[in-house]
Amino acid sequence: MIDRHRVVDAVFSALEEIDAIRNGAAPIAKSEDTLLFGEGGELESLELVSLIIATETNVARAFDATITIADERAMSARHSPFRSVRSLVDYVTTLLSES
């Protein structure tokens, strides 16, 4: 069973990395309810790409597992895993469970 709290920590750590490169923009709230991408989302396209890469790296360190978050399934999902922190954590947890 995958420890969801460790996945949340990996995503929050990735968000902190994004905050560090945002040139004075307000920090992104570290909450599972935070909207990441799409209407009302905190991230621009390039920031989303950076978040995905940082999350994959953090997950690899935390779980000693390699996952690809931006895969065909994520891109074609009816509900985007990139919409909120919660949806991203859920998707990463699913990927880890399958690996």
Protein backbone atom coordinates (compact mmCIF):
# COMPACT_ATOMS: atom_id res chain seq x y z
CA MET A 1 0.00 0.00 0.00
CA ILE A 2 1.30 3.43 -0.98
CA ASP A 3 1.65 5.99 1.81
CA ARG A 4 -0.47 8.88 0.52
CA HIS A 5 1.16 11.32 2.96
CA ARG A 6 4.53 10.70 1.32
CA VAL A 7 3.02 11.43 -2.09
CA VAL A 8 1.50 14.67 -0.74
CA ASP A 9 4.92 15.61 0.66
CA ALA A 10 6.53 14.94 -2.74
CA VAL A 11 4.01 17.20 -4.50
CA PHE A 12 4.27 19.95 -1.85
CA SER A 13 8.06 19.85 -2.16
CA ALA A 14 7.69 20.21 -5.95
CA LEU A 15 5.39 23.20 -5.41
CA GLU A 16 8.06 24.80 -3.22
CA GLU A 17 10.51 24.38 -6.10
CA ILE A 18 8.05 26.16 -8.40
CA ASP A 19 7.61 28.95 -5.84
CA ALA A 20 11.37 29.47 -5.87
CA ILE A 21 11.38 30.24 -9.61
CA ARG A 22 8.21 32.36 -9.83
CA ASN A 23 9.93 35.76 -9.54
CA GLY A 24 8.09 37.24 -6.60
CA ALA A 25 4.66 35.78 -7.29
CA ALA A 26 2.63 34.81 -4.23
CA PRO A 27 3.48 31.33 -2.93
CA ILE A 28 1.20 28.51 -4.01
CA ALA A 29 -0.98 27.27 -1.13
CA LYS A 30 0.11 23.87 0.13
CA SER A 31 -3.36 22.32 0.25
CA GLU A 32 -4.94 19.40 -1.56
CA ASP A 33 -7.71 21.82 -2.58
CA THR A 34 -5.30 24.11 -4.44
CA LEU A 35 -6.20 24.41 -8.13
CA LEU A 36 -3.11 23.89 -10.25
CA PHE A 37 -4.05 24.18 -13.90
CA GLY A 38 -7.06 25.31 -15.88
CA GLU A 39 -9.63 27.92 -14.91
CA GLY A 40 -8.60 29.50 -11.63
CA GLY A 41 -5.39 27.46 -11.50
CA GLU A 42 -2.16 28.76 -10.02
CA LEU A 43 0.20 27.54 -12.75
CA GLU A 44 1.07 28.62 -16.26
CA SER A 45 1.94 25.95 -18.83
CA LEU A 46 5.70 25.98 -18.29
CA GLU A 47 5.24 25.96 -14.52
CA LEU A 48 3.03 22.88 -14.88
CA VAL A 49 5.78 21.12 -16.85
CA SER A 50 8.28 22.05 -14.14
CA LEU A 51 5.89 20.76 -11.46
CA ILE A 52 5.51 17.43 -13.25
CA ILE A 53 9.27 16.99 -13.57
CA ALA A 54 9.90 17.97 -9.94
CA THR A 55 7.14 15.64 -8.74
CA GLU A 56 8.54 12.72 -10.75
CA THR A 57 11.99 13.39 -9.28
CA ASN A 58 10.67 13.66 -5.72
CA VAL A 59 8.62 10.48 -6.09
CA ALA A 60 11.67 8.63 -7.44
CA ARG A 61 13.63 9.66 -4.34
CA ALA A 62 10.84 8.93 -1.86
CA PHE A 63 9.67 5.61 -3.30
CA ASP A 64 12.65 4.38 -5.32
CA ALA A 65 10.26 4.09 -8.27
CA THR A 66 10.21 5.67 -11.69
CA ILE A 67 6.85 6.97 -12.95
CA THR A 68 5.77 9.06 -15.92
CA ILE A 69 3.03 11.46 -14.89
CA ALA A 70 2.37 13.13 -18.26
CA ASP A 71 1.44 9.97 -20.13
CA GLU A 72 -1.28 9.23 -22.67
CA ARG A 73 -3.72 8.19 -19.95
CA ALA A 74 -3.27 11.51 -18.10
CA MET A 75 -3.69 13.53 -21.27
CA SER A 76 -6.88 11.72 -22.31
CA ALA A 77 -8.46 11.49 -18.84
CA ARG A 78 -11.94 12.92 -18.53
CA HIS A 79 -10.88 14.59 -15.27
CA SER A 80 -7.38 15.99 -15.57
CA PRO A 81 -4.89 14.83 -12.95
CA PHE A 82 -3.36 18.30 -13.23
CA ARG A 83 -6.46 20.20 -12.11
CA SER A 84 -5.66 20.25 -8.38
CA VAL A 85 -3.13 19.02 -5.87
CA ARG A 86 -5.62 16.33 -4.80
CA SER A 87 -6.12 15.03 -8.34
CA LEU A 88 -2.35 14.98 -8.92
CA VAL A 89 -1.73 13.11 -5.66
CA ASP A 90 -4.48 10.61 -6.54
CA TYR A 91 -2.97 10.03 -9.98
CA VAL A 92 0.57 9.62 -8.66
CA THR A 93 -0.70 7.19 -6.01
CA THR A 94 -2.42 5.16 -8.73
CA LEU A 95 0.76 5.09 -10.84
CA LEU A 96 2.82 3.95 -7.87
CA SER A 97 0.30 1.24 -7.01
CA GLU A 98 0.53 -0.07 -10.57
CA SER A 99 4.33 -0.09 -10.69
